[in-house]
Amino acid sequence: MDMKEKIATILKENIAGVDTESKALVDEGYITSLAIIQLVSELDIAFDIEITFEAITKENFNSVEAIEKMVKEYL
């Protein structure tokens, strides 16, 4: 499983009905501020990283690709 697939799986496991192909996950309401906190925890565990508070932005969570790019910065 590549990183993008792993991130999509994490999203599907934590957000009911999420469209992982969307480029506007936050804008479309799939990802709320509470969901971001859950996702940060899941991503930290899955990739053995520590996402900083400064990285918690709408832009970093608006698509699977954006999340992947952010995670790669921590590896």
C-alpha atoms as a PDB file:
ATOM      1  CA  MET A   1       0.000   0.000   0.000  1.00  0.00           C
ATOM      2  CA  ASP A   2       1.477   3.340  -1.005  1.00  0.00           C
ATOM      3  CA  MET A   3       1.219   6.506   1.072  1.00  0.00           C
ATOM      4  CA  LYS A   4      -1.743   7.941  -0.855  1.00  0.00           C
ATOM      5  CA  GLU A   5      -3.723   4.700  -0.416  1.00  0.00           C
ATOM      6  CA  LYS A   6      -2.856   4.588   3.282  1.00  0.00           C
ATOM      7  CA  ILE A   7      -4.066   8.181   3.774  1.00  0.00           C
ATOM      8  CA  ALA A   8      -7.288   7.445   1.861  1.00  0.00           C
ATOM      9  CA  THR A   9      -7.858   4.402   4.079  1.00  0.00           C
ATOM     10  CA  ILE A  10      -7.324   6.482   7.237  1.00  0.00           C
ATOM     11  CA  LEU A  11      -9.852   9.037   5.958  1.00  0.00           C
ATOM     12  CA  LYS A  12     -12.416   6.336   5.143  1.00  0.00           C
ATOM     13  CA  GLU A  13     -11.978   4.710   8.559  1.00  0.00           C
ATOM     14  CA  ASN A  14     -12.454   7.992  10.424  1.00  0.00           C
ATOM     15  CA  ILE A  15     -14.936  10.007   8.343  1.00  0.00           C
ATOM     16  CA  ALA A  16     -18.218   8.408   7.284  1.00  0.00           C
ATOM     17  CA  GLY A  17     -19.055   8.907   3.621  1.00  0.00           C
ATOM     18  CA  VAL A  18     -15.883  10.828   2.772  1.00  0.00           C
ATOM     19  CA  ASP A  19     -15.112  11.356  -0.913  1.00  0.00           C
ATOM     20  CA  THR A  20     -11.365  10.716  -1.041  1.00  0.00           C
ATOM     21  CA  GLU A  21     -11.246  12.035  -4.624  1.00  0.00           C
ATOM     22  CA  SER A  22     -12.441  15.488  -3.514  1.00  0.00           C
ATOM     23  CA  LYS A  23     -10.048  18.426  -3.728  1.00  0.00           C
ATOM     24  CA  ALA A  24     -12.112  20.363  -1.161  1.00  0.00           C
ATOM     25  CA  LEU A  25     -12.548  18.025   1.803  1.00  0.00           C
ATOM     26  CA  VAL A  26     -12.659  20.874   4.322  1.00  0.00           C
ATOM     27  CA  ASP A  27     -14.625  23.240   2.095  1.00  0.00           C
ATOM     28  CA  GLU A  28     -17.256  20.553   1.400  1.00  0.00           C
ATOM     29  CA  GLY A  29     -17.610  19.767   5.110  1.00  0.00           C
ATOM     30  CA  TYR A  30     -16.167  16.251   5.067  1.00  0.00           C
ATOM     31  CA  ILE A  31     -13.375  17.292   7.397  1.00  0.00           C
ATOM     32  CA  THR A  32     -14.296  19.453  10.383  1.00  0.00           C
ATOM     33  CA  SER A  33     -11.935  20.917  12.955  1.00  0.00           C
ATOM     34  CA  LEU A  34     -12.708  18.004  15.261  1.00  0.00           C
ATOM     35  CA  ALA A  35     -12.008  15.520  12.454  1.00  0.00           C
ATOM     36  CA  ILE A  36      -8.654  17.212  11.786  1.00  0.00           C
ATOM     37  CA  ILE A  37      -7.590  16.563  15.378  1.00  0.00           C
ATOM     38  CA  GLN A  38      -8.506  12.872  14.970  1.00  0.00           C
ATOM     39  CA  LEU A  39      -6.710  12.676  11.626  1.00  0.00           C
ATOM     40  CA  VAL A  40      -3.561  14.286  13.020  1.00  0.00           C
ATOM     41  CA  SER A  41      -3.455  11.607  15.707  1.00  0.00           C
ATOM     42  CA  GLU A  42      -4.052   8.806  13.191  1.00  0.00           C
ATOM     43  CA  LEU A  43      -1.443  10.186  10.765  1.00  0.00           C
ATOM     44  CA  ASP A  44       1.113  10.616  13.555  1.00  0.00           C
ATOM     45  CA  ILE A  45       0.697   6.952  14.497  1.00  0.00           C
ATOM     46  CA  ALA A  46       0.515   5.568  10.953  1.00  0.00           C
ATOM     47  CA  PHE A  47       3.631   7.361   9.713  1.00  0.00           C
ATOM     48  CA  ASP A  48       5.538   7.730  13.017  1.00  0.00           C
ATOM     49  CA  ILE A  49       5.626  11.523  12.761  1.00  0.00           C
ATOM     50  CA  GLU A  50       4.572  14.497  14.890  1.00  0.00           C
ATOM     51  CA  ILE A  51       2.469  16.993  12.958  1.00  0.00           C
ATOM     52  CA  THR A  52       2.916  20.440  14.459  1.00  0.00           C
ATOM     53  CA  PHE A  53       0.150  22.892  15.291  1.00  0.00           C
ATOM     54  CA  GLU A  54       1.382  25.198  12.512  1.00  0.00           C
ATOM     55  CA  ALA A  55       0.672  22.496   9.923  1.00  0.00           C
ATOM     56  CA  ILE A  56      -2.988  22.230  10.901  1.00  0.00           C
ATOM     57  CA  THR A  57      -4.417  24.361   8.114  1.00  0.00           C
ATOM     58  CA  LYS A  58      -7.333  23.980   5.733  1.00  0.00           C
ATOM     59  CA  GLU A  59      -4.916  23.801   2.807  1.00  0.00           C
ATOM     60  CA  ASN A  60      -3.068  20.826   4.297  1.00  0.00           C
ATOM     61  CA  PHE A  61      -6.273  18.825   4.780  1.00  0.00           C
ATOM     62  CA  ASN A  62      -8.354  19.764   1.713  1.00  0.00           C
ATOM     63  CA  SER A  63      -7.352  16.683  -0.321  1.00  0.00           C
ATOM     64  CA  VAL A  64      -5.581  13.365  -0.052  1.00  0.00           C
ATOM     65  CA  GLU A  65      -2.762  14.858  -2.136  1.00  0.00           C
ATOM     66  CA  ALA A  66      -2.406  17.829   0.233  1.00  0.00           C
ATOM     67  CA  ILE A  67      -2.292  15.527   3.246  1.00  0.00           C
ATOM     68  CA  GLU A  68       0.300  13.347   1.485  1.00  0.00           C
ATOM     69  CA  LYS A  69       2.475  16.385   0.705  1.00  0.00           C
ATOM     70  CA  MET A  70       2.294  17.521   4.343  1.00  0.00           C
ATOM     71  CA  VAL A  71       3.145  14.040   5.689  1.00  0.00           C
ATOM     72  CA  LYS A  72       6.145  13.790   3.367  1.00  0.00           C
ATOM     73  CA  GLU A  73       7.538  16.984   4.917  1.00  0.00           C
ATOM     74  CA  TYR A  74       7.758  15.156   8.252  1.00  0.00           C
ATOM     75  CA  LEU A  75       9.469  12.028   6.960  1.00  0.00           C
END
